[in-house]
Amino acid sequence: MNWDDLFAALALVLVIEGLMPFISPAGYKENMSQMLKMSDSGLRAVALGSMVAGVFFLYLVRS
């Protein structure tokens, strides 16, 4: 892995993070309001699941 890969990955994160608010601002606001209602442990569980799925997908792509 080199610096170009890291910067490309960070650029893709920014693009993907911007898709939902660009495509559906109302839906994005609704999702954010639902997140505010979640408990800290529930939000951590969702975040952990997302990170595990990301690591697994990265493993599949890189192997």
N, C-alpha and C. Protein backbone atom coordinates (compact mmCIF):
# COMPACT_ATOMS: atom_id res chain seq x y z
N MET A 1 0.85 -1.18 0.00
CA MET A 1 0.00 0.00 0.00
C MET A 1 0.89 1.24 0.00
N ASN A 2 0.48 2.23 -0.76
CA ASN A 2 1.23 3.48 -0.77
C ASN A 2 0.29 4.64 -0.46
N TRP A 3 0.85 5.83 -0.45
CA TRP A 3 0.06 7.01 -0.09
C TRP A 3 -1.07 7.27 -1.08
N ASP A 4 -0.85 6.95 -2.34
CA ASP A 4 -1.89 7.17 -3.34
C ASP A 4 -3.14 6.35 -3.03
N ASP A 5 -2.94 5.10 -2.57
CA ASP A 5 -4.08 4.26 -2.20
C ASP A 5 -4.84 4.86 -1.02
N LEU A 6 -4.12 5.35 -0.04
CA LEU A 6 -4.76 5.94 1.13
C LEU A 6 -5.58 7.17 0.74
N PHE A 7 -5.00 8.05 -0.05
CA PHE A 7 -5.72 9.25 -0.46
C PHE A 7 -6.90 8.92 -1.36
N ALA A 8 -6.77 7.92 -2.21
CA ALA A 8 -7.89 7.48 -3.05
C ALA A 8 -9.02 6.94 -2.18
N ALA A 9 -8.68 6.18 -1.15
CA ALA A 9 -9.69 5.64 -0.25
C ALA A 9 -10.39 6.77 0.51
N LEU A 10 -9.64 7.74 0.98
CA LEU A 10 -10.25 8.87 1.68
C LEU A 10 -11.15 9.69 0.76
N ALA A 11 -10.73 9.85 -0.49
CA ALA A 11 -11.56 10.57 -1.46
C ALA A 11 -12.87 9.82 -1.70
N LEU A 12 -12.80 8.50 -1.81
CA LEU A 12 -14.03 7.71 -1.99
C LEU A 12 -14.95 7.81 -0.79
N VAL A 13 -14.38 7.84 0.41
CA VAL A 13 -15.20 8.02 1.62
C VAL A 13 -15.97 9.33 1.53
N LEU A 14 -15.31 10.40 1.13
CA LEU A 14 -15.97 11.70 1.02
C LEU A 14 -17.08 11.67 -0.04
N VAL A 15 -16.83 11.02 -1.17
CA VAL A 15 -17.85 10.93 -2.22
C VAL A 15 -19.05 10.13 -1.71
N ILE A 16 -18.80 8.99 -1.10
CA ILE A 16 -19.89 8.13 -0.62
C ILE A 16 -20.67 8.82 0.50
N GLU A 17 -19.97 9.51 1.41
CA GLU A 17 -20.65 10.23 2.49
C GLU A 17 -21.54 11.34 1.94
N GLY A 18 -21.17 11.92 0.82
CA GLY A 18 -21.95 13.01 0.25
C GLY A 18 -23.11 12.57 -0.61
N LEU A 19 -23.17 11.29 -0.97
CA LEU A 19 -24.23 10.83 -1.87
C LEU A 19 -25.63 10.98 -1.27
N MET A 20 -25.84 10.49 -0.07
CA MET A 20 -27.18 10.49 0.52
C MET A 20 -27.73 11.91 0.71
N PRO A 21 -26.97 12.84 1.32
CA PRO A 21 -27.54 14.18 1.45
C PRO A 21 -27.76 14.88 0.11
N PHE A 22 -26.99 14.52 -0.91
CA PHE A 22 -27.17 15.12 -2.23
C PHE A 22 -28.41 14.56 -2.92
N ILE A 23 -28.59 13.24 -2.86
CA ILE A 23 -29.70 12.58 -3.55
C ILE A 23 -31.02 12.84 -2.85
N SER A 24 -31.02 12.72 -1.52
CA SER A 24 -32.27 12.86 -0.77
C SER A 24 -32.02 13.60 0.54
N PRO A 25 -32.00 14.92 0.49
CA PRO A 25 -31.75 15.68 1.72
C PRO A 25 -32.78 15.40 2.81
N ALA A 26 -34.05 15.25 2.42
CA ALA A 26 -35.09 14.99 3.43
C ALA A 26 -34.88 13.63 4.08
N GLY A 27 -34.55 12.63 3.28
CA GLY A 27 -34.28 11.30 3.84
C GLY A 27 -33.06 11.30 4.74
N TYR A 28 -32.05 12.07 4.35
CA TYR A 28 -30.84 12.17 5.17
C TYR A 28 -31.16 12.81 6.52
N LYS A 29 -31.95 13.88 6.50
CA LYS A 29 -32.34 14.54 7.75
C LYS A 29 -33.13 13.59 8.64
N GLU A 30 -34.02 12.81 8.03
CA GLU A 30 -34.81 11.84 8.80
C GLU A 30 -33.90 10.80 9.44
N ASN A 31 -32.94 10.29 8.67
CA ASN A 31 -31.99 9.31 9.22
C ASN A 31 -31.20 9.90 10.37
N MET A 32 -30.77 11.14 10.23
CA MET A 32 -29.99 11.78 11.29
C MET A 32 -30.85 11.99 12.54
N SER A 33 -32.12 12.34 12.36
CA SER A 33 -32.99 12.52 13.52
C SER A 33 -33.23 11.19 14.23
N GLN A 34 -33.30 10.09 13.46
CA GLN A 34 -33.45 8.77 14.07
C GLN A 34 -32.19 8.39 14.86
N MET A 35 -31.03 8.77 14.33
CA MET A 35 -29.78 8.48 15.04
C MET A 35 -29.72 9.23 16.37
N LEU A 36 -30.25 10.46 16.40
CA LEU A 36 -30.25 11.23 17.64
C LEU A 36 -31.11 10.57 18.71
N LYS A 37 -32.10 9.80 18.29
CA LYS A 37 -32.99 9.12 19.23
C LYS A 37 -32.42 7.80 19.74
N MET A 38 -31.39 7.30 19.08
CA MET A 38 -30.80 6.01 19.47
C MET A 38 -29.98 6.16 20.74
N SER A 39 -29.92 5.08 21.50
CA SER A 39 -29.04 5.07 22.67
C SER A 39 -27.59 5.00 22.21
N ASP A 40 -26.69 5.37 23.10
CA ASP A 40 -25.27 5.30 22.75
C ASP A 40 -24.85 3.88 22.41
N SER A 41 -25.35 2.91 23.17
CA SER A 41 -24.96 1.52 22.91
C SER A 41 -25.53 1.03 21.58
N GLY A 42 -26.73 1.46 21.24
CA GLY A 42 -27.31 1.08 19.95
C GLY A 42 -26.54 1.68 18.79
N LEU A 43 -26.15 2.93 18.94
CA LEU A 43 -25.38 3.59 17.89
C LEU A 43 -24.00 2.96 17.75
N ARG A 44 -23.40 2.59 18.88
CA ARG A 44 -22.10 1.90 18.82
C ARG A 44 -22.23 0.55 18.13
N ALA A 45 -23.33 -0.16 18.37
CA ALA A 45 -23.54 -1.46 17.74
C ALA A 45 -23.66 -1.31 16.23
N VAL A 46 -24.38 -0.30 15.78
CA VAL A 46 -24.52 -0.05 14.34
C VAL A 46 -23.16 0.31 13.75
N ALA A 47 -22.40 1.16 14.44
CA ALA A 47 -21.08 1.56 13.96
C ALA A 47 -20.13 0.36 13.90
N LEU A 48 -20.17 -0.49 14.92
CA LEU A 48 -19.32 -1.68 14.93
C LEU A 48 -19.68 -2.60 13.77
N GLY A 49 -20.96 -2.80 13.54
CA GLY A 49 -21.38 -3.63 12.41
C GLY A 49 -20.90 -3.07 11.08
N SER A 50 -20.97 -1.76 10.94
CA SER A 50 -20.50 -1.11 9.72
C SER A 50 -18.99 -1.29 9.55
N MET A 51 -18.24 -1.13 10.63
CA MET A 51 -16.78 -1.29 10.54
C MET A 51 -16.40 -2.72 10.22
N VAL A 52 -17.07 -3.69 10.84
CA VAL A 52 -16.78 -5.10 10.57
C VAL A 52 -17.09 -5.43 9.12
N ALA A 53 -18.23 -4.95 8.63
CA ALA A 53 -18.59 -5.19 7.23
C ALA A 53 -17.55 -4.56 6.30
N GLY A 54 -17.08 -3.37 6.63
CA GLY A 54 -16.07 -2.70 5.81
C GLY A 54 -14.76 -3.45 5.79
N VAL A 55 -14.32 -3.93 6.95
CA VAL A 55 -13.07 -4.70 7.01
C VAL A 55 -13.21 -6.00 6.23
N PHE A 56 -14.35 -6.67 6.37
CA PHE A 56 -14.59 -7.91 5.64
C PHE A 56 -14.58 -7.67 4.13
N PHE A 57 -15.25 -6.61 3.69
CA PHE A 57 -15.29 -6.28 2.27
C PHE A 57 -13.89 -5.94 1.76
N LEU A 58 -13.13 -5.19 2.54
CA LEU A 58 -11.76 -4.85 2.16
C LEU A 58 -10.90 -6.11 2.06
N TYR A 59 -11.10 -7.04 2.98
CA TYR A 59 -10.37 -8.31 2.93
C TYR A 59 -10.69 -9.07 1.64
N LEU A 60 -11.97 -9.11 1.28
CA LEU A 60 -12.37 -9.81 0.06
C LEU A 60 -11.78 -9.14 -1.18
N VAL A 61 -11.78 -7.83 -1.21
CA VAL A 61 -11.27 -7.11 -2.37
C VAL A 61 -9.76 -7.25 -2.50
N ARG A 62 -9.06 -7.22 -1.39
CA ARG A 62 -7.60 -7.22 -1.42
C ARG A 62 -6.97 -8.61 -1.46
N SER A 63 -7.76 -9.66 -1.26
CA SER A 63 -7.15 -11.00 -1.28
C SER A 63 -7.37 -11.70 -2.60
